[in-house]
Amino acid sequence: MSIAVISLTGSGRKLSERIAEKIPDAKRFCFHKHTDENAESFTEISVLIASVFGEYDAFIFVSSVGIAVRAVASHLISKVTDPAVVAVDDSGKFAVSVLSGHLGGANELAENIAAIIGAVPVITTATDSHGLFSPDMFAKKNGLVICDMNAAKTAAAMIVNGDKVGFRCCYPHTGLPDELTENEGCKAGICISDNADDKPFETTLNLLPKNLIAGIGCKKGTLDTSITTRVMSVFSVNGLDIRRLAGVATIDIKAEEPGLLEFCESFGLPLKSFSAGELMNVSGDFSHSDFVAKTTGSDNVCERAAVCAGGSLIVRKTAGIGVTVAVAELPVRIVF
């Protein structure tokens, strides 16, 4: 998580130092009259936020809540994509989760900051303040895709109001919290499966596991658009939801291929690479190519790489426009 720590006063600068010392990925921004050599200075907070808003996953303002809200307000889009925002008062008494408490991680960040500086964490999201099950936090912790935020809000509202929420899951899971029931007679419920069209409840919050790995091989110089077209086609033909794509795997000699890196960046995916020896040592029934073996040292890249990443092969090698793609599925276990 990339974090910007922004301070406006002399005492705020000292607090920002204490916070950043304990948060490795934090970058400090200090008002120009109260800065130091380890921070980037600014003169207008609105100009600063406009220039860096899309670069950070979280913003910690050592300021009033009002300043923090005004600074980010015009840049907000959706609770699904907005960064976490936490405000720490100038004297370090409170760490307030202001925005994106669940999905953005502001609640957890506020608690961490409070522990660092000895402040009181202020969390106002309803499920947290009542100590109840939170659908969106549950989804985040289990790496599940929320298909409908309105359904998530409905489920959360029912929980806060003391109503039971239904639960159906196609994967192994631990015991349910008291707020959930496997009785499908509930008005609203959660369905965890690989199909967003499963609707066992009148209002169904579909959660998809991000557990698919795309093994990819490509010719040198292949454009990211060609890779995107091939991957999207493979997922569509095989009835796989692209939102379930969790990562990409390939051979190490392709790990710096610009088109592949651009594809991963555009989808926000990690790229794992393996040596030819590692690919050849993985067990399984794989397609064989003498040409690929001669040029890469492995008789197959996409299938072997997908399995090397920890999955079970569910879509075998498909080739086109200089790209080969295979898909493996990682195991899923749901934990409350």
C-alpha atoms as a PDB file:
ATOM      1  CA  MET A   1       0.000   0.000   0.000  1.00  0.00           C
ATOM      2  CA  SER A   2       1.496   3.346  -1.073  1.00  0.00           C
ATOM      3  CA  ILE A   3       0.750   6.067   1.469  1.00  0.00           C
ATOM      4  CA  ALA A   4       1.091   9.855   1.436  1.00  0.00           C
ATOM      5  CA  VAL A   5       1.478  11.615   4.798  1.00  0.00           C
ATOM      6  CA  ILE A   6       0.591  15.310   4.584  1.00  0.00           C
ATOM      7  CA  SER A   7       1.250  17.872   7.313  1.00  0.00           C
ATOM      8  CA  LEU A   8       0.666  21.602   7.582  1.00  0.00           C
ATOM      9  CA  THR A   9       2.243  22.767  10.837  1.00  0.00           C
ATOM     10  CA  GLY A  10       5.456  22.366  12.787  1.00  0.00           C
ATOM     11  CA  SER A  11       3.949  19.952  15.297  1.00  0.00           C
ATOM     12  CA  GLY A  12       2.220  18.176  12.433  1.00  0.00           C
ATOM     13  CA  ARG A  13       5.569  17.692  10.722  1.00  0.00           C
ATOM     14  CA  LYS A  14       6.949  15.979  13.829  1.00  0.00           C
ATOM     15  CA  LEU A  15       3.925  13.683  13.949  1.00  0.00           C
ATOM     16  CA  SER A  16       4.321  12.874  10.258  1.00  0.00           C
ATOM     17  CA  GLU A  17       7.918  11.824  10.958  1.00  0.00           C
ATOM     18  CA  ARG A  18       6.821   9.460  13.715  1.00  0.00           C
ATOM     19  CA  ILE A  19       4.157   7.935  11.491  1.00  0.00           C
ATOM     20  CA  ALA A  20       6.383   7.550   8.434  1.00  0.00           C
ATOM     21  CA  GLU A  21       9.151   5.892  10.461  1.00  0.00           C
ATOM     22  CA  LYS A  22       6.822   2.958  11.157  1.00  0.00           C
ATOM     23  CA  ILE A  23       5.201   2.771   7.709  1.00  0.00           C
ATOM     24  CA  PRO A  24       7.817   1.701   5.107  1.00  0.00           C
ATOM     25  CA  ASP A  25       5.847   2.767   2.023  1.00  0.00           C
ATOM     26  CA  ALA A  26       4.909   6.219   3.313  1.00  0.00           C
ATOM     27  CA  LYS A  27       6.047   9.423   1.600  1.00  0.00           C
ATOM     28  CA  ARG A  28       5.894  12.696   3.495  1.00  0.00           C
ATOM     29  CA  PHE A  29       4.626  16.039   2.145  1.00  0.00           C
ATOM     30  CA  CYS A  30       5.040  19.099   4.384  1.00  0.00           C
ATOM     31  CA  PHE A  31       3.800  22.673   4.034  1.00  0.00           C
ATOM     32  CA  HIS A  32       6.775  24.728   2.823  1.00  0.00           C
ATOM     33  CA  LYS A  33       7.067  26.780   6.025  1.00  0.00           C
ATOM     34  CA  HIS A  34       7.351  23.633   8.159  1.00  0.00           C
ATOM     35  CA  THR A  35       9.294  21.079   6.147  1.00  0.00           C
ATOM     36  CA  ASP A  36      12.581  19.183   6.366  1.00  0.00           C
ATOM     37  CA  GLU A  37      15.077  17.525   4.037  1.00  0.00           C
ATOM     38  CA  ASN A  38      13.267  14.157   4.118  1.00  0.00           C
ATOM     39  CA  ALA A  39       9.927  15.535   2.957  1.00  0.00           C
ATOM     40  CA  GLU A  40       8.629  17.082  -0.239  1.00  0.00           C
ATOM     41  CA  SER A  41       7.346  20.600   0.344  1.00  0.00           C
ATOM     42  CA  PHE A  42       4.178  22.178  -1.037  1.00  0.00           C
ATOM     43  CA  THR A  43       2.551  25.597  -0.930  1.00  0.00           C
ATOM     44  CA  GLU A  44      -1.099  24.815  -1.721  1.00  0.00           C
ATOM     45  CA  ILE A  45      -2.734  21.605  -0.514  1.00  0.00           C
ATOM     46  CA  SER A  46      -5.334  21.619  -3.306  1.00  0.00           C
ATOM     47  CA  VAL A  47      -2.582  21.736  -5.937  1.00  0.00           C
ATOM     48  CA  LEU A  48      -0.660  18.953  -4.185  1.00  0.00           C
ATOM     49  CA  ILE A  49      -3.666  16.618  -3.994  1.00  0.00           C
ATOM     50  CA  ALA A  50      -4.604  17.276  -7.615  1.00  0.00           C
ATOM     51  CA  SER A  51      -1.089  16.268  -8.696  1.00  0.00           C
ATOM     52  CA  VAL A  52      -0.719  13.075  -6.623  1.00  0.00           C
ATOM     53  CA  PHE A  53      -4.258  11.812  -5.974  1.00  0.00           C
ATOM     54  CA  GLY A  54      -4.060   8.867  -8.375  1.00  0.00           C
ATOM     55  CA  GLU A  55      -0.606   7.786  -7.187  1.00  0.00           C
ATOM     56  CA  TYR A  56      -1.411   6.657  -3.632  1.00  0.00           C
ATOM     57  CA  ASP A  57      -3.611   4.007  -2.049  1.00  0.00           C
ATOM     58  CA  ALA A  58      -4.011   6.033   1.133  1.00  0.00           C
ATOM     59  CA  PHE A  59      -3.686   9.598   2.430  1.00  0.00           C
ATOM     60  CA  ILE A  60      -2.902  10.462   6.021  1.00  0.00           C
ATOM     61  CA  PHE A  61      -3.635  14.123   6.779  1.00  0.00           C
ATOM     62  CA  VAL A  62      -2.092  15.513   9.942  1.00  0.00           C
ATOM     63  CA  SER A  63      -4.812  18.132  10.077  1.00  0.00           C
ATOM     64  CA  SER A  64      -8.442  18.653  10.906  1.00  0.00           C
ATOM     65  CA  VAL A  65     -11.027  16.348   9.329  1.00  0.00           C
ATOM     66  CA  GLY A  66     -12.440  19.368   7.499  1.00  0.00           C
ATOM     67  CA  ILE A  67      -9.159  20.107   5.734  1.00  0.00           C
ATOM     68  CA  ALA A  68      -8.824  16.473   4.697  1.00  0.00           C
ATOM     69  CA  VAL A  69     -12.376  16.321   3.332  1.00  0.00           C
ATOM     70  CA  ARG A  70     -12.073  19.543   1.354  1.00  0.00           C
ATOM     71  CA  ALA A  71      -8.727  18.467  -0.078  1.00  0.00           C
ATOM     72  CA  VAL A  72     -10.000  15.197  -1.572  1.00  0.00           C
ATOM     73  CA  ALA A  73     -13.699  15.926  -2.180  1.00  0.00           C
ATOM     74  CA  SER A  74     -13.481  16.927  -5.829  1.00  0.00           C
ATOM     75  CA  HIS A  75     -11.435  13.833  -6.707  1.00  0.00           C
ATOM     76  CA  LEU A  76     -13.713  11.161  -5.251  1.00  0.00           C
ATOM     77  CA  ILE A  77     -15.410   8.687  -7.570  1.00  0.00           C
ATOM     78  CA  SER A  78     -16.592   5.537  -5.789  1.00  0.00           C
ATOM     79  CA  LYS A  79     -16.089   3.649  -2.530  1.00  0.00           C
ATOM     80  CA  VAL A  80     -14.778   0.805  -4.677  1.00  0.00           C
ATOM     81  CA  THR A  81     -11.907   2.876  -6.075  1.00  0.00           C
ATOM     82  CA  ASP A  82     -11.395   5.821  -3.710  1.00  0.00           C
ATOM     83  CA  PRO A  83      -8.238   5.733  -1.577  1.00  0.00           C
ATOM     84  CA  ALA A  84      -8.251   5.422   2.193  1.00  0.00           C
ATOM     85  CA  VAL A  85      -8.227   8.763   3.991  1.00  0.00           C
ATOM     86  CA  VAL A  86      -7.267   9.184   7.645  1.00  0.00           C
ATOM     87  CA  ALA A  87      -7.069  12.450   9.580  1.00  0.00           C
ATOM     88  CA  VAL A  88      -4.791  12.818  12.620  1.00  0.00           C
ATOM     89  CA  ASP A  89      -5.271  15.925  14.735  1.00  0.00           C
ATOM     90  CA  ASP A  90      -2.281  18.210  15.184  1.00  0.00           C
ATOM     91  CA  SER A  91      -1.734  17.154  18.803  1.00  0.00           C
ATOM     92  CA  GLY A  92      -1.892  13.431  17.991  1.00  0.00           C
ATOM     93  CA  LYS A  93      -4.875  12.592  20.201  1.00  0.00           C
ATOM     94  CA  PHE A  94      -7.106  11.002  17.550  1.00  0.00           C
ATOM     95  CA  ALA A  95      -6.697   9.036  14.296  1.00  0.00           C
ATOM     96  CA  VAL A  96      -9.970   9.319  12.396  1.00  0.00           C
ATOM     97  CA  SER A  97     -10.973   6.979   9.572  1.00  0.00           C
ATOM     98  CA  VAL A  98     -12.542   9.473   7.154  1.00  0.00           C
ATOM     99  CA  LEU A  99     -13.026   7.639   3.866  1.00  0.00           C
ATOM    100  CA  SER A 100     -12.943   4.080   2.464  1.00  0.00           C
ATOM    101  CA  GLY A 101     -12.894   2.484   5.878  1.00  0.00           C
ATOM    102  CA  HIS A 102     -13.482  -1.052   4.634  1.00  0.00           C
ATOM    103  CA  LEU A 103     -12.426  -1.603   1.033  1.00  0.00           C
ATOM    104  CA  GLY A 104      -9.752   1.090   1.104  1.00  0.00           C
ATOM    105  CA  GLY A 105      -8.432  -0.019   4.480  1.00  0.00           C
ATOM    106  CA  ALA A 106      -8.820   3.323   6.306  1.00  0.00           C
ATOM    107  CA  ASN A 107     -10.205   1.685   9.460  1.00  0.00           C
ATOM    108  CA  GLU A 108      -7.215  -0.600   9.799  1.00  0.00           C
ATOM    109  CA  LEU A 109      -4.839   2.224   8.907  1.00  0.00           C
ATOM    110  CA  ALA A 110      -6.368   4.483  11.580  1.00  0.00           C
ATOM    111  CA  GLU A 111      -5.893   1.742  14.157  1.00  0.00           C
ATOM    112  CA  ASN A 112      -2.270   1.246  13.095  1.00  0.00           C
ATOM    113  CA  ILE A 113      -1.522   4.965  13.274  1.00  0.00           C
ATOM    114  CA  ALA A 114      -3.170   5.191  16.690  1.00  0.00           C
ATOM    115  CA  ALA A 115      -0.892   2.411  17.931  1.00  0.00           C
ATOM    116  CA  ILE A 116       2.186   4.199  16.547  1.00  0.00           C
ATOM    117  CA  ILE A 117       1.548   7.598  18.147  1.00  0.00           C
ATOM    118  CA  GLY A 118      -0.564   6.603  21.150  1.00  0.00           C
ATOM    119  CA  ALA A 119      -3.796   8.101  19.809  1.00  0.00           C
ATOM    120  CA  VAL A 120      -7.416   6.977  19.988  1.00  0.00           C
ATOM    121  CA  PRO A 121      -8.653   5.381  16.730  1.00  0.00           C
ATOM    122  CA  VAL A 122     -12.019   6.770  15.642  1.00  0.00           C
ATOM    123  CA  ILE A 123     -14.023   4.299  13.536  1.00  0.00           C
ATOM    124  CA  THR A 124     -17.575   5.259  12.597  1.00  0.00           C
ATOM    125  CA  THR A 125     -18.677   2.576  10.104  1.00  0.00           C
ATOM    126  CA  ALA A 126     -21.843   0.985  11.501  1.00  0.00           C
ATOM    127  CA  THR A 127     -20.837  -2.677  11.450  1.00  0.00           C
ATOM    128  CA  ASP A 128     -17.528  -1.903  13.149  1.00  0.00           C
ATOM    129  CA  SER A 129     -18.988   0.370  15.813  1.00  0.00           C
ATOM    130  CA  HIS A 130     -21.475  -2.399  16.697  1.00  0.00           C
ATOM    131  CA  GLY A 131     -18.892  -5.181  16.418  1.00  0.00           C
ATOM    132  CA  LEU A 132     -20.846  -6.912  13.643  1.00  0.00           C
ATOM    133  CA  PHE A 133     -19.972  -8.914  10.542  1.00  0.00           C
ATOM    134  CA  SER A 134     -19.099  -6.629   7.633  1.00  0.00           C
ATOM    135  CA  PRO A 135     -19.749  -8.002   4.111  1.00  0.00           C
ATOM    136  CA  ASP A 136     -17.235  -5.769   2.363  1.00  0.00           C
ATOM    137  CA  MET A 137     -14.457  -6.357   4.913  1.00  0.00           C
ATOM    138  CA  PHE A 138     -15.138 -10.096   4.703  1.00  0.00           C
ATOM    139  CA  ALA A 139     -14.852  -9.916   0.906  1.00  0.00           C
ATOM    140  CA  LYS A 140     -11.613  -7.951   1.070  1.00  0.00           C
ATOM    141  CA  LYS A 141      -9.955 -10.302   3.561  1.00  0.00           C
ATOM    142  CA  ASN A 142     -10.854 -13.342   1.469  1.00  0.00           C
ATOM    143  CA  GLY A 143      -9.847 -11.800  -1.861  1.00  0.00           C
ATOM    144  CA  LEU A 144     -13.402 -11.842  -3.194  1.00  0.00           C
ATOM    145  CA  VAL A 145     -14.808  -9.538  -5.863  1.00  0.00           C
ATOM    146  CA  ILE A 146     -17.962  -7.644  -4.867  1.00  0.00           C
ATOM    147  CA  CYS A 147     -20.242  -7.764  -7.888  1.00  0.00           C
ATOM    148  CA  ASP A 148     -22.914  -5.345  -6.654  1.00  0.00           C
ATOM    149  CA  MET A 149     -22.210  -2.621  -4.084  1.00  0.00           C
ATOM    150  CA  ASN A 150     -25.939  -1.933  -3.667  1.00  0.00           C
ATOM    151  CA  ALA A 151     -26.470  -5.540  -2.629  1.00  0.00           C
ATOM    152  CA  ALA A 152     -23.541  -5.198  -0.220  1.00  0.00           C
ATOM    153  CA  LYS A 153     -25.173  -2.121   1.323  1.00  0.00           C
ATOM    154  CA  THR A 154     -28.488  -3.970   1.665  1.00  0.00           C
ATOM    155  CA  ALA A 155     -26.816  -6.905   3.412  1.00  0.00           C
ATOM    156  CA  ALA A 156     -24.886  -4.590   5.750  1.00  0.00           C
ATOM    157  CA  ALA A 157     -28.037  -2.620   6.597  1.00  0.00           C
ATOM    158  CA  MET A 158     -29.920  -5.813   7.453  1.00  0.00           C
ATOM    159  CA  ILE A 159     -27.093  -6.926   9.732  1.00  0.00           C
ATOM    160  CA  VAL A 160     -27.025  -3.574  11.533  1.00  0.00           C
ATOM    161  CA  ASN A 161     -30.817  -3.790  11.956  1.00  0.00           C
ATOM    162  CA  GLY A 162     -30.536  -7.247  13.521  1.00  0.00           C
ATOM    163  CA  ASP A 163     -31.865  -9.279  10.564  1.00  0.00           C
ATOM    164  CA  LYS A 164     -30.287 -12.536   9.439  1.00  0.00           C
ATOM    165  CA  VAL A 165     -28.514 -12.590   6.075  1.00  0.00           C
ATOM    166  CA  GLY A 166     -28.453 -15.773   4.010  1.00  0.00           C
ATOM    167  CA  PHE A 167     -25.265 -17.505   2.972  1.00  0.00           C
ATOM    168  CA  ARG A 168     -24.421 -19.938   0.174  1.00  0.00           C
ATOM    169  CA  CYS A 169     -20.851 -20.939  -0.578  1.00  0.00           C
ATOM    170  CA  CYS A 170     -19.418 -23.342  -3.146  1.00  0.00           C
ATOM    171  CA  TYR A 171     -16.070 -23.576  -1.356  1.00  0.00           C
ATOM    172  CA  PRO A 172     -14.874 -24.976   1.976  1.00  0.00           C
ATOM    173  CA  HIS A 173     -15.446 -22.499   4.800  1.00  0.00           C
ATOM    174  CA  THR A 174     -15.242 -22.150   8.544  1.00  0.00           C
ATOM    175  CA  GLY A 175     -18.236 -21.776  10.845  1.00  0.00           C
ATOM    176  CA  LEU A 176     -20.610 -18.898  10.133  1.00  0.00           C
ATOM    177  CA  PRO A 177     -20.858 -15.795  12.315  1.00  0.00           C
ATOM    178  CA  ASP A 178     -24.189 -15.292  14.103  1.00  0.00           C
ATOM    179  CA  GLU A 179     -25.328 -12.701  11.559  1.00  0.00           C
ATOM    180  CA  LEU A 180     -25.382 -15.265   8.712  1.00  0.00           C
ATOM    181  CA  THR A 181     -27.480 -18.352   8.089  1.00  0.00           C
ATOM    182  CA  GLU A 182     -27.497 -21.045   5.413  1.00  0.00           C
ATOM    183  CA  ASN A 183     -31.292 -20.841   5.337  1.00  0.00           C
ATOM    184  CA  GLU A 184     -32.059 -19.666   1.797  1.00  0.00           C
ATOM    185  CA  GLY A 185     -35.437 -18.270   2.831  1.00  0.00           C
ATOM    186  CA  CYS A 186     -33.779 -14.951   3.704  1.00  0.00           C
ATOM    187  CA  LYS A 187     -34.705 -11.830   1.739  1.00  0.00           C
ATOM    188  CA  ALA A 188     -31.047 -10.985   1.167  1.00  0.00           C
ATOM    189  CA  GLY A 189     -27.969 -13.147   1.177  1.00  0.00           C
ATOM    190  CA  ILE A 190     -24.377 -13.713   0.147  1.00  0.00           C
ATOM    191  CA  CYS A 191     -23.461 -16.177  -2.601  1.00  0.00           C
ATOM    192  CA  ILE A 192     -19.834 -17.150  -3.116  1.00  0.00           C
ATOM    193  CA  SER A 193     -19.308 -19.013  -6.385  1.00  0.00           C
ATOM    194  CA  ASP A 194     -17.589 -18.692  -9.749  1.00  0.00           C
ATOM    195  CA  ASN A 195     -20.797 -17.428 -11.388  1.00  0.00           C
ATOM    196  CA  ALA A 196     -22.074 -13.887 -10.828  1.00  0.00           C
ATOM    197  CA  ASP A 197     -25.469 -14.957 -12.198  1.00  0.00           C
ATOM    198  CA  ASP A 198     -26.198 -17.294  -9.259  1.00  0.00           C
ATOM    199  CA  LYS A 199     -29.139 -15.624  -7.475  1.00  0.00           C
ATOM    200  CA  PRO A 200     -30.393 -17.815  -4.622  1.00  0.00           C
ATOM    201  CA  PHE A 201     -31.823 -14.817  -2.733  1.00  0.00           C
ATOM    202  CA  GLU A 202     -34.215 -12.016  -3.663  1.00  0.00           C
ATOM    203  CA  THR A 203     -31.273  -9.651  -3.158  1.00  0.00           C
ATOM    204  CA  THR A 204     -28.034 -11.558  -3.734  1.00  0.00           C
ATOM    205  CA  LEU A 205     -24.597 -10.221  -2.978  1.00  0.00           C
ATOM    206  CA  ASN A 206     -22.456 -12.239  -5.395  1.00  0.00           C
ATOM    207  CA  LEU A 207     -18.825 -12.607  -4.395  1.00  0.00           C
ATOM    208  CA  LEU A 208     -16.363 -14.051  -6.886  1.00  0.00           C
ATOM    209  CA  PRO A 209     -13.027 -15.570  -5.891  1.00  0.00           C
ATOM    210  CA  LYS A 210      -9.979 -14.008  -7.557  1.00  0.00           C
ATOM    211  CA  ASN A 211      -8.313 -17.359  -8.058  1.00  0.00           C
ATOM    212  CA  LEU A 212      -7.444 -17.704 -11.728  1.00  0.00           C
ATOM    213  CA  ILE A 213      -3.910 -17.513 -13.091  1.00  0.00           C
ATOM    214  CA  ALA A 214      -3.276 -16.816 -16.761  1.00  0.00           C
ATOM    215  CA  GLY A 215      -0.174 -18.546 -18.058  1.00  0.00           C
ATOM    216  CA  ILE A 216       1.062 -16.478 -20.985  1.00  0.00           C
ATOM    217  CA  GLY A 217       3.694 -16.960 -23.656  1.00  0.00           C
ATOM    218  CA  CYS A 218       4.300 -14.440 -26.420  1.00  0.00           C
ATOM    219  CA  LYS A 219       6.606 -13.525 -29.258  1.00  0.00           C
ATOM    220  CA  LYS A 220       9.133 -10.772 -28.736  1.00  0.00           C
ATOM    221  CA  GLY A 221       7.601  -7.346 -29.280  1.00  0.00           C
ATOM    222  CA  THR A 222       3.999  -8.491 -28.882  1.00  0.00           C
ATOM    223  CA  LEU A 223       1.775  -5.518 -28.031  1.00  0.00           C
ATOM    224  CA  ASP A 224      -0.234  -5.412 -24.818  1.00  0.00           C
ATOM    225  CA  THR A 225      -3.387  -4.984 -26.928  1.00  0.00           C
ATOM    226  CA  SER A 226      -2.751  -8.351 -28.581  1.00  0.00           C
ATOM    227  CA  ILE A 227      -2.274 -10.000 -25.189  1.00  0.00           C
ATOM    228  CA  THR A 228      -5.461  -8.371 -23.871  1.00  0.00           C
ATOM    229  CA  THR A 229      -7.449  -9.545 -26.900  1.00  0.00           C
ATOM    230  CA  ARG A 230      -6.214 -13.139 -26.557  1.00  0.00           C
ATOM    231  CA  VAL A 231      -6.793 -13.317 -22.771  1.00  0.00           C
ATOM    232  CA  MET A 232     -10.271 -11.788 -23.007  1.00  0.00           C
ATOM    233  CA  SER A 233     -11.170 -14.220 -25.794  1.00  0.00           C
ATOM    234  CA  VAL A 234      -9.971 -17.241 -23.803  1.00  0.00           C
ATOM    235  CA  PHE A 235     -11.966 -16.181 -20.751  1.00  0.00           C
ATOM    236  CA  SER A 236     -15.091 -15.460 -22.790  1.00  0.00           C
ATOM    237  CA  VAL A 237     -15.022 -18.722 -24.785  1.00  0.00           C
ATOM    238  CA  ASN A 238     -14.567 -20.748 -21.603  1.00  0.00           C
ATOM    239  CA  GLY A 239     -17.239 -18.917 -19.607  1.00  0.00           C
ATOM    240  CA  LEU A 240     -14.765 -17.461 -17.112  1.00  0.00           C
ATOM    241  CA  ASP A 241     -15.362 -14.088 -15.469  1.00  0.00           C
ATOM    242  CA  ILE A 242     -12.360 -11.843 -16.159  1.00  0.00           C
ATOM    243  CA  ARG A 243     -12.810 -10.315 -12.697  1.00  0.00           C
ATOM    244  CA  ARG A 244     -11.533 -13.591 -11.271  1.00  0.00           C
ATOM    245  CA  LEU A 245      -8.102 -13.107 -12.854  1.00  0.00           C
ATOM    246  CA  ALA A 246      -5.607 -12.882  -9.975  1.00  0.00           C
ATOM    247  CA  GLY A 247      -2.243 -12.974 -11.697  1.00  0.00           C
ATOM    248  CA  VAL A 248      -0.097 -13.821 -14.690  1.00  0.00           C
ATOM    249  CA  ALA A 249       2.700 -16.386 -15.005  1.00  0.00           C
ATOM    250  CA  THR A 250       5.344 -16.830 -17.685  1.00  0.00           C
ATOM    251  CA  ILE A 251       8.924 -17.954 -18.310  1.00  0.00           C
ATOM    252  CA  ASP A 252      11.720 -15.766 -16.935  1.00  0.00           C
ATOM    253  CA  ILE A 253      13.031 -14.773 -20.367  1.00  0.00           C
ATOM    254  CA  LYS A 254       9.673 -13.052 -20.982  1.00  0.00           C
ATOM    255  CA  ALA A 255       9.496 -11.340 -17.589  1.00  0.00           C
ATOM    256  CA  GLU A 256      10.655  -8.002 -19.036  1.00  0.00           C
ATOM    257  CA  GLU A 257       8.617  -8.152 -22.231  1.00  0.00           C
ATOM    258  CA  PRO A 258       7.093  -4.626 -22.499  1.00  0.00           C
ATOM    259  CA  GLY A 259       3.714  -5.751 -23.833  1.00  0.00           C
ATOM    260  CA  LEU A 260       3.310  -8.314 -21.058  1.00  0.00           C
ATOM    261  CA  LEU A 261       4.299  -5.809 -18.382  1.00  0.00           C
ATOM    262  CA  GLU A 262       1.880  -3.238 -19.800  1.00  0.00           C
ATOM    263  CA  PHE A 263      -0.924  -5.816 -19.811  1.00  0.00           C
ATOM    264  CA  CYS A 264      -0.274  -6.653 -16.153  1.00  0.00           C
ATOM    265  CA  GLU A 265      -0.127  -2.992 -15.195  1.00  0.00           C
ATOM    266  CA  SER A 266      -3.383  -2.151 -16.961  1.00  0.00           C
ATOM    267  CA  PHE A 267      -5.214  -4.938 -15.100  1.00  0.00           C
ATOM    268  CA  GLY A 268      -3.355  -4.409 -11.826  1.00  0.00           C
ATOM    269  CA  LEU A 269      -1.975  -7.952 -11.848  1.00  0.00           C
ATOM    270  CA  PRO A 270       1.218  -9.392 -10.370  1.00  0.00           C
ATOM    271  CA  LEU A 271       3.556 -11.196 -12.770  1.00  0.00           C
ATOM    272  CA  LYS A 272       5.367 -14.362 -11.688  1.00  0.00           C
ATOM    273  CA  SER A 273       8.135 -15.823 -13.792  1.00  0.00           C
ATOM    274  CA  PHE A 274       9.853 -19.201 -13.708  1.00  0.00           C
ATOM    275  CA  SER A 275      13.034 -20.608 -15.208  1.00  0.00           C
ATOM    276  CA  ALA A 276      12.881 -23.239 -17.940  1.00  0.00           C
ATOM    277  CA  GLY A 277      14.089 -25.782 -15.396  1.00  0.00           C
ATOM    278  CA  GLU A 278      11.291 -24.915 -12.974  1.00  0.00           C
ATOM    279  CA  LEU A 279       8.710 -25.193 -15.748  1.00  0.00           C
ATOM    280  CA  MET A 280      10.000 -28.568 -16.900  1.00  0.00           C
ATOM    281  CA  ASN A 281      10.036 -29.926 -13.352  1.00  0.00           C
ATOM    282  CA  VAL A 282       6.356 -29.257 -12.683  1.00  0.00           C
ATOM    283  CA  SER A 283       4.253 -32.411 -12.933  1.00  0.00           C
ATOM    284  CA  GLY A 284       1.205 -32.724 -15.153  1.00  0.00           C
ATOM    285  CA  ASP A 285      -0.054 -33.468 -18.644  1.00  0.00           C
ATOM    286  CA  PHE A 286       1.044 -30.578 -20.858  1.00  0.00           C
ATOM    287  CA  SER A 287       1.099 -29.737 -24.543  1.00  0.00           C
ATOM    288  CA  HIS A 288       4.504 -30.222 -26.182  1.00  0.00           C
ATOM    289  CA  SER A 289       6.265 -28.101 -28.783  1.00  0.00           C
ATOM    290  CA  ASP A 290       9.709 -28.921 -30.136  1.00  0.00           C
ATOM    291  CA  PHE A 291      10.071 -25.351 -31.386  1.00  0.00           C
ATOM    292  CA  VAL A 292       9.245 -23.836 -27.981  1.00  0.00           C
ATOM    293  CA  ALA A 293      11.592 -26.308 -26.287  1.00  0.00           C
ATOM    294  CA  LYS A 294      14.422 -25.320 -28.638  1.00  0.00           C
ATOM    295  CA  THR A 295      13.910 -21.560 -28.227  1.00  0.00           C
ATOM    296  CA  THR A 296      13.057 -21.360 -24.496  1.00  0.00           C
ATOM    297  CA  GLY A 297      14.310 -24.583 -22.900  1.00  0.00           C
ATOM    298  CA  SER A 298      10.768 -25.582 -21.921  1.00  0.00           C
ATOM    299  CA  ASP A 299       8.450 -27.533 -24.192  1.00  0.00           C
ATOM    300  CA  ASN A 300       5.491 -25.430 -23.065  1.00  0.00           C
ATOM    301  CA  VAL A 301       5.340 -22.015 -21.412  1.00  0.00           C
ATOM    302  CA  CYS A 302       1.721 -21.022 -20.756  1.00  0.00           C
ATOM    303  CA  GLU A 303       0.365 -24.280 -19.302  1.00  0.00           C
ATOM    304  CA  ARG A 304       3.425 -25.071 -17.210  1.00  0.00           C
ATOM    305  CA  ALA A 305       3.725 -21.476 -15.920  1.00  0.00           C
ATOM    306  CA  ALA A 306       0.065 -21.364 -14.854  1.00  0.00           C
ATOM    307  CA  VAL A 307       0.480 -24.596 -12.885  1.00  0.00           C
ATOM    308  CA  CYS A 308       3.841 -23.477 -11.470  1.00  0.00           C
ATOM    309  CA  ALA A 309       2.011 -20.510  -9.941  1.00  0.00           C
ATOM    310  CA  GLY A 310       0.070 -22.956  -7.764  1.00  0.00           C
ATOM    311  CA  GLY A 311      -3.052 -23.740  -9.738  1.00  0.00           C
ATOM    312  CA  SER A 312      -4.734 -26.688 -11.396  1.00  0.00           C
ATOM    313  CA  LEU A 313      -4.987 -26.443 -15.178  1.00  0.00           C
ATOM    314  CA  ILE A 314      -8.573 -25.788 -16.315  1.00  0.00           C
ATOM    315  CA  VAL A 315      -7.983 -24.285 -19.780  1.00  0.00           C
ATOM    316  CA  ARG A 316      -5.275 -25.750 -21.965  1.00  0.00           C
ATOM    317  CA  LYS A 317      -3.045 -23.824 -24.353  1.00  0.00           C
ATOM    318  CA  THR A 318      -4.784 -21.658 -26.916  1.00  0.00           C
ATOM    319  CA  ALA A 319      -2.753 -19.708 -29.451  1.00  0.00           C
ATOM    320  CA  GLY A 320      -3.300 -16.719 -31.704  1.00  0.00           C
ATOM    321  CA  ILE A 321      -1.759 -13.379 -32.788  1.00  0.00           C
ATOM    322  CA  GLY A 322       1.608 -14.355 -31.342  1.00  0.00           C
ATOM    323  CA  VAL A 323       0.212 -15.139 -27.876  1.00  0.00           C
ATOM    324  CA  THR A 324      -0.425 -18.419 -26.059  1.00  0.00           C
ATOM    325  CA  VAL A 325      -2.706 -18.526 -23.038  1.00  0.00           C
ATOM    326  CA  ALA A 326      -3.664 -21.200 -20.516  1.00  0.00           C
ATOM    327  CA  VAL A 327      -5.622 -20.838 -17.276  1.00  0.00           C
ATOM    328  CA  ALA A 328      -5.121 -22.490 -13.893  1.00  0.00           C
ATOM    329  CA  GLU A 329      -7.402 -22.308 -10.864  1.00  0.00           C
ATOM    330  CA  LEU A 330      -6.062 -21.763  -7.357  1.00  0.00           C
ATOM    331  CA  PRO A 331      -7.752 -23.516  -4.404  1.00  0.00           C
ATOM    332  CA  VAL A 332     -10.178 -21.426  -2.325  1.00  0.00           C
ATOM    333  CA  ARG A 333     -10.977 -21.647   1.389  1.00  0.00           C
ATOM    334  CA  ILE A 334     -13.255 -19.059   2.958  1.00  0.00           C
ATOM    335  CA  VAL A 335     -12.368 -17.832   6.425  1.00  0.00           C
ATOM    336  CA  PHE A 336     -14.477 -15.688   8.750  1.00  0.00           C
END
